[in-house]
N, C-alpha and C. Protein backbone atom coordinates (compact mmCIF):
# COMPACT_ATOMS: atom_id res chain seq x y z
N MET A 1 -15.33 9.73 -40.39
CA MET A 1 -16.29 9.69 -39.43
C MET A 1 -15.12 9.24 -38.36
N ALA A 2 -14.53 9.68 -37.09
CA ALA A 2 -13.61 9.33 -35.95
C ALA A 2 -14.42 7.95 -35.40
N PRO A 3 -13.28 7.31 -35.16
CA PRO A 3 -13.28 5.70 -34.47
C PRO A 3 -14.44 6.23 -33.26
N ASP A 4 -15.14 5.44 -32.59
CA ASP A 4 -15.85 5.28 -31.28
C ASP A 4 -14.92 4.65 -30.21
N ILE A 5 -13.87 5.99 -29.53
CA ILE A 5 -12.99 5.02 -28.53
C ILE A 5 -13.98 4.97 -26.98
N ARG A 6 -13.77 4.47 -26.82
CA ARG A 6 -14.15 3.73 -25.05
C ARG A 6 -13.16 2.97 -23.99
N PRO A 7 -13.16 3.62 -22.84
CA PRO A 7 -12.47 3.42 -21.95
C PRO A 7 -12.40 1.73 -21.96
N GLU A 8 -12.04 0.96 -21.87
CA GLU A 8 -11.72 -1.00 -21.08
C GLU A 8 -12.77 -0.84 -20.07
N LYS A 9 -14.23 -1.31 -20.32
CA LYS A 9 -15.18 -1.64 -19.49
C LYS A 9 -14.44 -2.49 -17.96
N LYS A 10 -14.21 -2.65 -16.87
CA LYS A 10 -13.76 -2.89 -16.03
C LYS A 10 -15.11 -3.52 -15.21
N SER A 11 -14.55 -5.06 -14.88
CA SER A 11 -15.87 -5.95 -13.94
C SER A 11 -15.74 -4.91 -12.63
N PRO A 12 -17.24 -4.86 -12.28
CA PRO A 12 -17.67 -4.36 -11.09
C PRO A 12 -16.95 -4.65 -9.79
N ARG A 13 -16.88 -3.70 -8.89
CA ARG A 13 -16.01 -4.04 -7.79
C ARG A 13 -16.80 -5.18 -7.09
N GLU A 14 -16.71 -6.05 -5.90
CA GLU A 14 -17.60 -6.63 -5.40
C GLU A 14 -17.59 -6.09 -3.96
N GLY A 15 -18.57 -6.15 -3.30
CA GLY A 15 -18.59 -5.79 -1.58
C GLY A 15 -17.37 -6.21 -0.93
N VAL A 16 -17.32 -5.38 -0.19
CA VAL A 16 -15.98 -5.68 1.35
C VAL A 16 -16.65 -5.32 2.32
N VAL A 17 -16.42 -6.38 3.23
CA VAL A 17 -17.10 -6.66 4.62
C VAL A 17 -15.89 -6.75 5.58
N ILE A 18 -16.00 -6.20 6.45
CA ILE A 18 -14.96 -6.14 7.57
C ILE A 18 -15.97 -6.79 8.49
N LYS A 19 -15.35 -7.80 9.46
CA LYS A 19 -16.40 -8.39 10.31
C LYS A 19 -15.94 -7.28 11.56
N ALA A 20 -16.98 -7.19 12.43
CA ALA A 20 -16.31 -6.90 13.58
C ALA A 20 -14.90 -7.26 14.33
N ALA A 21 -15.26 -8.64 14.40
CA ALA A 21 -13.77 -9.23 15.28
C ALA A 21 -12.48 -9.11 14.75
N ASP A 22 -12.45 -8.63 13.06
CA ASP A 22 -11.19 -7.92 12.16
C ASP A 22 -11.11 -6.67 12.17
N GLY A 23 -11.88 -5.54 12.72
CA GLY A 23 -11.97 -4.45 12.19
C GLY A 23 -12.25 -3.62 13.40
N ALA A 24 -13.27 -2.81 13.52
CA ALA A 24 -12.76 -1.63 14.45
C ALA A 24 -13.83 -2.42 16.03
N LEU A 25 -14.02 -3.07 16.06
CA LEU A 25 -15.49 -3.60 16.96
C LEU A 25 -14.79 -4.62 17.93
N ARG A 26 -13.78 -3.99 19.14
CA ARG A 26 -12.92 -4.95 19.73
C ARG A 26 -13.48 -4.58 21.35
N GLY A 27 -14.16 -5.26 21.74
CA GLY A 27 -14.11 -5.56 23.32
C GLY A 27 -15.70 -4.07 23.34
N GLY A 28 -16.03 -4.39 22.33
CA GLY A 28 -17.67 -3.96 22.70
C GLY A 28 -18.12 -2.56 22.57
N ASP A 29 -16.74 -1.67 22.11
CA ASP A 29 -16.81 0.04 21.85
C ASP A 29 -15.73 -0.41 20.71
N TRP A 30 -16.47 0.79 19.65
CA TRP A 30 -15.33 1.27 18.08
C TRP A 30 -13.97 1.65 18.70
N LYS A 31 -12.83 0.79 18.34
CA LYS A 31 -11.54 1.92 18.05
C LYS A 31 -10.99 1.40 16.98
N GLY A 32 -9.84 2.24 17.13
CA GLY A 32 -9.10 1.78 15.72
C GLY A 32 -9.12 2.12 14.38
N SER A 33 -9.00 1.84 13.43
CA SER A 33 -9.69 2.35 12.28
C SER A 33 -9.58 1.11 10.80
N ILE A 34 -10.02 1.58 9.89
CA ILE A 34 -10.19 1.09 9.04
C ILE A 34 -9.43 1.51 7.75
N SER A 35 -8.61 0.94 6.97
CA SER A 35 -7.34 1.75 5.94
C SER A 35 -8.40 1.49 4.71
N ALA A 36 -7.89 2.62 3.59
CA ALA A 36 -8.89 2.52 2.30
C ALA A 36 -8.23 1.33 1.76
N ASP A 37 -6.96 0.71 2.01
CA ASP A 37 -7.20 -0.86 1.44
C ASP A 37 -7.85 -1.72 1.63
N ALA A 38 -7.88 -2.22 2.57
CA ALA A 38 -8.85 -2.78 3.41
C ALA A 38 -10.48 -3.09 2.47
N LEU A 39 -10.67 -1.54 2.83
CA LEU A 39 -12.12 -1.28 1.98
C LEU A 39 -11.71 -1.12 0.29
N ASP A 40 -11.40 -1.33 -0.23
CA ASP A 40 -10.93 -0.60 -1.67
C ASP A 40 -11.43 0.16 -2.61
N THR A 41 -11.53 1.60 -1.89
CA THR A 41 -11.97 2.51 -1.92
C THR A 41 -11.02 3.57 -1.24
N GLY A 42 -11.21 4.96 -1.42
CA GLY A 42 -10.37 6.17 -1.55
C GLY A 42 -10.39 7.35 -0.16
N ALA A 43 -11.06 6.35 0.99
CA ALA A 43 -11.19 6.92 2.08
C ALA A 43 -11.44 5.37 3.15
N PHE A 44 -10.62 6.48 4.04
CA PHE A 44 -10.80 5.91 5.34
C PHE A 44 -11.15 5.82 6.59
N MET A 45 -11.37 5.53 7.52
CA MET A 45 -11.99 5.39 8.91
C MET A 45 -11.24 5.45 10.44
N ILE A 46 -11.16 6.10 11.11
CA ILE A 46 -10.86 6.55 12.57
C ILE A 46 -12.16 6.14 13.34
N PHE A 47 -11.76 5.09 14.19
CA PHE A 47 -12.62 5.61 15.44
C PHE A 47 -12.36 6.14 16.51
N VAL A 48 -12.57 7.03 17.00
CA VAL A 48 -12.26 8.11 17.79
C VAL A 48 -12.92 7.69 19.13
N SER A 49 -12.27 7.75 20.27
CA SER A 49 -12.93 7.75 21.75
C SER A 49 -12.21 8.76 22.80
N ALA A 50 -12.80 9.37 23.59
CA ALA A 50 -12.54 10.51 24.67
C ALA A 50 -13.39 10.30 25.93
N ASP A 51 -12.79 9.66 26.36
CA ASP A 51 -13.62 8.78 27.94
C ASP A 51 -13.63 9.99 28.40
N GLU A 52 -13.13 10.99 28.93
CA GLU A 52 -12.67 12.18 29.95
C GLU A 52 -13.06 13.57 28.85
N PRO A 53 -14.39 13.93 29.63
CA PRO A 53 -14.21 15.13 29.48
C PRO A 53 -13.37 16.14 29.23
N GLY A 54 -13.27 16.89 28.02
CA GLY A 54 -12.00 17.92 27.65
C GLY A 54 -11.02 17.06 26.83
N LYS A 55 -11.01 15.94 26.89
CA LYS A 55 -9.83 14.82 25.56
C LYS A 55 -10.42 15.56 24.10
N GLY A 56 -9.81 14.90 23.60
CA GLY A 56 -10.39 14.84 21.92
C GLY A 56 -8.88 15.47 21.32
N PRO A 57 -8.94 15.22 20.01
CA PRO A 57 -8.48 15.76 19.31
C PRO A 57 -7.55 17.16 18.61
N ASP A 58 -6.21 17.47 19.01
CA ASP A 58 -5.64 18.84 19.14
C ASP A 58 -6.06 19.51 17.81
N TRP A 59 -5.70 20.87 17.51
CA TRP A 59 -5.39 21.41 16.09
C TRP A 59 -4.41 21.31 15.36
N HIS A 60 -5.41 20.90 14.39
CA HIS A 60 -4.67 20.06 13.10
C HIS A 60 -5.03 20.25 11.93
N VAL A 61 -4.42 19.99 10.62
CA VAL A 61 -4.90 19.93 9.42
C VAL A 61 -4.43 18.88 8.37
N HIS A 62 -5.86 19.30 7.54
CA HIS A 62 -5.39 17.83 6.44
C HIS A 62 -5.88 18.54 4.87
N PRO A 63 -4.76 17.72 4.04
CA PRO A 63 -5.17 18.47 2.68
C PRO A 63 -6.05 17.81 1.56
N TYR A 64 -6.97 17.47 2.68
CA TYR A 64 -8.48 16.42 1.88
C TYR A 64 -9.67 16.80 2.97
N ASP A 65 -11.07 16.47 2.89
CA ASP A 65 -11.87 16.76 3.58
C ASP A 65 -11.96 15.44 4.57
N GLU A 66 -12.49 16.29 5.39
CA GLU A 66 -12.96 14.75 6.40
C GLU A 66 -14.11 15.13 7.31
N LEU A 67 -15.40 13.80 7.61
CA LEU A 67 -16.13 13.68 8.11
C LEU A 67 -15.99 13.51 9.13
N PHE A 68 -16.94 13.90 10.42
CA PHE A 68 -17.16 13.29 11.77
C PHE A 68 -18.55 13.00 12.03
N ILE A 69 -18.86 11.77 12.17
CA ILE A 69 -19.71 11.28 12.56
C ILE A 69 -20.19 10.74 14.25
N ILE A 70 -20.75 11.72 15.08
CA ILE A 70 -20.67 11.94 15.88
C ILE A 70 -21.43 10.46 16.73
N THR A 71 -21.12 9.63 17.42
CA THR A 71 -22.08 8.00 17.87
C THR A 71 -22.17 7.98 19.16
N LYS A 72 -21.87 8.90 19.71
CA LYS A 72 -22.07 8.81 21.52
C LYS A 72 -21.44 10.00 22.05
N GLY A 73 -22.20 11.17 22.67
CA GLY A 73 -21.62 11.86 23.53
C GLY A 73 -21.75 12.93 23.05
N ARG A 74 -21.05 14.14 23.43
CA ARG A 74 -21.30 15.71 22.92
C ARG A 74 -19.56 16.45 22.65
N ALA A 75 -20.00 17.27 21.77
CA ALA A 75 -18.27 17.41 21.38
C ALA A 75 -18.42 18.96 20.83
N ARG A 76 -17.53 19.67 21.51
CA ARG A 76 -17.46 21.09 21.18
C ARG A 76 -16.28 20.82 19.82
N PHE A 77 -16.66 21.53 18.58
CA PHE A 77 -15.46 21.70 17.30
C PHE A 77 -15.54 22.87 17.00
N LYS A 78 -14.00 23.13 16.74
CA LYS A 78 -13.33 24.30 15.82
C LYS A 78 -12.80 24.07 15.10
N VAL A 79 -13.88 24.73 13.61
CA VAL A 79 -13.27 24.19 12.51
C VAL A 79 -12.99 25.84 11.85
N GLY A 80 -11.74 25.82 11.80
CA GLY A 80 -11.68 27.36 11.14
C GLY A 80 -11.68 28.13 11.96
N ASP A 81 -12.33 29.31 11.89
CA ASP A 81 -13.26 30.53 12.84
C ASP A 81 -14.14 30.01 13.32
N LYS A 82 -15.10 29.21 13.12
CA LYS A 82 -16.16 28.52 13.34
C LYS A 82 -16.27 27.98 14.81
N SER A 83 -16.54 27.40 15.74
CA SER A 83 -17.11 27.07 16.88
C SER A 83 -18.36 26.47 16.92
N PHE A 84 -18.81 25.37 17.60
CA PHE A 84 -19.91 24.83 17.54
C PHE A 84 -20.01 23.38 18.50
N GLU A 85 -21.28 23.20 19.24
CA GLU A 85 -21.36 22.02 19.90
C GLU A 85 -22.10 20.83 19.06
N VAL A 86 -21.86 19.97 19.03
CA VAL A 86 -22.72 18.51 18.37
C VAL A 86 -22.94 17.60 19.74
N GLU A 87 -24.19 16.82 18.93
CA GLU A 87 -24.10 16.07 20.06
C GLU A 87 -24.55 14.51 18.89
N GLU A 88 -24.95 13.03 19.67
CA GLU A 88 -25.09 12.19 19.03
C GLU A 88 -25.87 12.10 18.07
N GLY A 89 -25.65 11.59 17.05
CA GLY A 89 -26.18 11.59 15.23
C GLY A 89 -25.66 12.56 14.44
N ASP A 90 -25.41 13.94 14.85
CA ASP A 90 -24.69 14.72 14.14
C ASP A 90 -23.86 14.88 13.48
N VAL A 91 -23.41 14.76 12.05
CA VAL A 91 -22.39 15.01 11.22
C VAL A 91 -21.40 16.25 10.89
N VAL A 92 -20.35 16.05 11.14
CA VAL A 92 -19.66 17.63 10.78
C VAL A 92 -18.54 17.49 9.22
N MET A 93 -19.07 18.40 8.90
CA MET A 93 -17.53 18.67 7.66
C MET A 93 -16.51 19.29 7.74
N GLY A 94 -15.58 18.53 7.93
CA GLY A 94 -13.85 19.78 7.82
C GLY A 94 -13.36 19.58 6.40
N PRO A 95 -13.66 21.13 5.70
CA PRO A 95 -13.01 21.15 4.97
C PRO A 95 -11.67 21.15 4.25
N ALA A 96 -10.94 20.31 3.23
CA ALA A 96 -9.53 20.13 3.32
C ALA A 96 -8.84 21.38 3.24
N ASN A 97 -7.62 21.88 4.19
CA ASN A 97 -7.17 22.71 4.51
C ASN A 97 -7.39 23.55 5.45
N VAL A 98 -8.76 23.45 5.94
CA VAL A 98 -9.13 24.16 7.47
C VAL A 98 -8.73 23.74 8.65
N PRO A 99 -8.02 24.00 9.54
CA PRO A 99 -7.53 23.56 10.71
C PRO A 99 -8.87 23.48 11.31
N HIS A 100 -8.62 22.40 12.48
CA HIS A 100 -9.84 22.08 13.27
C HIS A 100 -9.45 21.36 14.57
N LYS A 101 -10.67 21.34 15.20
CA LYS A 101 -9.72 20.55 16.56
C LYS A 101 -11.80 20.17 16.91
N TYR A 102 -11.89 19.08 18.03
CA TYR A 102 -12.85 19.10 18.72
C TYR A 102 -12.37 18.26 19.95
N LYS A 103 -13.32 18.41 21.20
CA LYS A 103 -12.68 17.74 22.63
C LYS A 103 -14.74 17.69 22.83
N ASN A 104 -14.25 16.27 23.81
CA ASN A 104 -15.28 15.63 24.53
C ASN A 104 -15.52 16.90 25.62
N CYS A 105 -17.03 17.71 25.36
CA CYS A 105 -17.77 18.31 26.35
C CYS A 105 -19.34 18.13 27.29
N GLY A 106 -19.10 16.77 26.74
CA GLY A 106 -20.51 16.04 27.65
C GLY A 106 -19.77 15.58 29.66
N THR A 107 -20.83 14.83 29.89
CA THR A 107 -20.17 14.32 31.07
C THR A 107 -20.03 13.09 30.63
N GLY A 108 -19.90 12.34 29.90
CA GLY A 108 -19.63 10.93 29.55
C GLY A 108 -18.76 10.88 28.14
N PRO A 109 -18.83 9.73 27.93
CA PRO A 109 -17.84 8.97 27.13
C PRO A 109 -17.87 10.08 25.43
N LEU A 110 -17.02 10.57 24.68
CA LEU A 110 -17.57 10.75 23.41
C LEU A 110 -16.98 9.90 22.60
N GLN A 111 -17.67 9.34 21.54
CA GLN A 111 -17.13 8.98 20.54
C GLN A 111 -17.64 9.26 18.66
N SER A 112 -16.62 9.00 18.11
CA SER A 112 -16.99 9.34 16.97
C SER A 112 -16.39 8.47 15.71
N ILE A 113 -16.84 8.80 14.78
CA ILE A 113 -16.30 8.17 13.47
C ILE A 113 -15.67 9.06 12.40
N ASP A 114 -14.35 8.94 12.25
CA ASP A 114 -14.03 10.16 11.24
C ASP A 114 -13.47 9.25 10.09
N ILE A 115 -14.49 10.05 9.19
CA ILE A 115 -14.11 9.54 7.53
C ILE A 115 -12.89 10.46 7.09
N HIS A 116 -11.58 9.79 6.90
CA HIS A 116 -10.52 10.66 5.87
C HIS A 116 -11.23 10.33 4.69
N LEU A 117 -11.32 11.72 3.63
CA LEU A 117 -11.22 11.05 2.32
C LEU A 117 -10.17 11.24 1.54
N SER A 118 -9.22 9.73 1.60
CA SER A 118 -7.47 10.01 0.99
C SER A 118 -7.33 8.39 1.31
N ARG A 119 -6.70 8.21 0.77
CA ARG A 119 -6.28 6.79 1.04
C ARG A 119 -4.95 6.64 1.80
N GLU A 120 -4.47 7.84 2.43
CA GLU A 120 -3.68 7.64 2.69
C GLU A 120 -3.73 8.94 3.79
N TRP A 121 -3.11 9.01 5.62
CA TRP A 121 -3.43 9.76 6.58
C TRP A 121 -2.55 10.91 6.33
N ILE A 122 -2.65 11.72 5.94
CA ILE A 122 -1.82 12.93 6.15
C ILE A 122 -2.14 13.90 7.06
N GLN A 123 -1.67 14.26 8.06
CA GLN A 123 -2.08 15.20 9.18
C GLN A 123 -0.80 16.38 9.64
N THR A 124 -0.76 17.37 9.30
CA THR A 124 0.07 18.60 10.27
C THR A 124 -0.62 19.06 11.73
N ASP A 125 0.07 18.61 12.58
CA ASP A 125 -0.42 19.20 13.44
C ASP A 125 0.12 20.90 13.83
N LEU A 126 -0.70 21.86 14.63
CA LEU A 126 -0.47 22.70 14.50
C LEU A 126 -0.25 23.55 16.00
N GLN A 127 -0.12 24.85 16.54
CA GLN A 127 -0.04 25.28 17.44
C GLN A 127 -1.22 26.10 17.56
N ASP A 128 -2.10 25.88 18.61
CA ASP A 128 -3.49 26.07 18.23
C ASP A 128 -3.11 27.65 19.33
N PRO A 129 -3.55 28.38 18.69
CA PRO A 129 -4.15 29.50 18.81
C PRO A 129 -4.67 29.88 19.81
N GLU A 130 -5.50 28.80 20.55
CA GLU A 130 -6.45 29.42 21.56
C GLU A 130 -5.26 28.53 23.05
N ALA A 131 -4.16 27.73 22.79
CA ALA A 131 -3.88 26.98 23.88
C ALA A 131 -3.40 28.19 24.64
N GLN A 132 -2.46 28.05 25.95
CA GLN A 132 -1.98 29.35 26.99
C GLN A 132 -0.99 29.42 26.90
N ALA A 133 -0.23 30.20 26.67
CA ALA A 133 1.31 30.25 26.27
C ALA A 133 2.24 29.61 27.67
């Protein structure tokens, strides 16, 4: 009979709290980021704020999935060939290796929490096929 081989049990991970003053909440708005190391996880978060209509991240790609949580305002996304508008409370999935961008399409500030499903930020900026020459 083969021996019963099981991986060594590890102690459970402890919860991690990033206090507002130490993390992303500074001066009333969510800004900055929280690293995967700080969270002890395989994901990190970026807090994006685009106060002016038309502003937002340009066309780029990551080798991992990215989730976008719209926390304030409206955005016009392009993910691959698909374009759509989202608003506060909506969640968007940007698949790995699919170029994407979004812009503030509202009349006020746009804020989002972008969750990168990777321990490190890897981004390749691309020439936007919609950009004017």
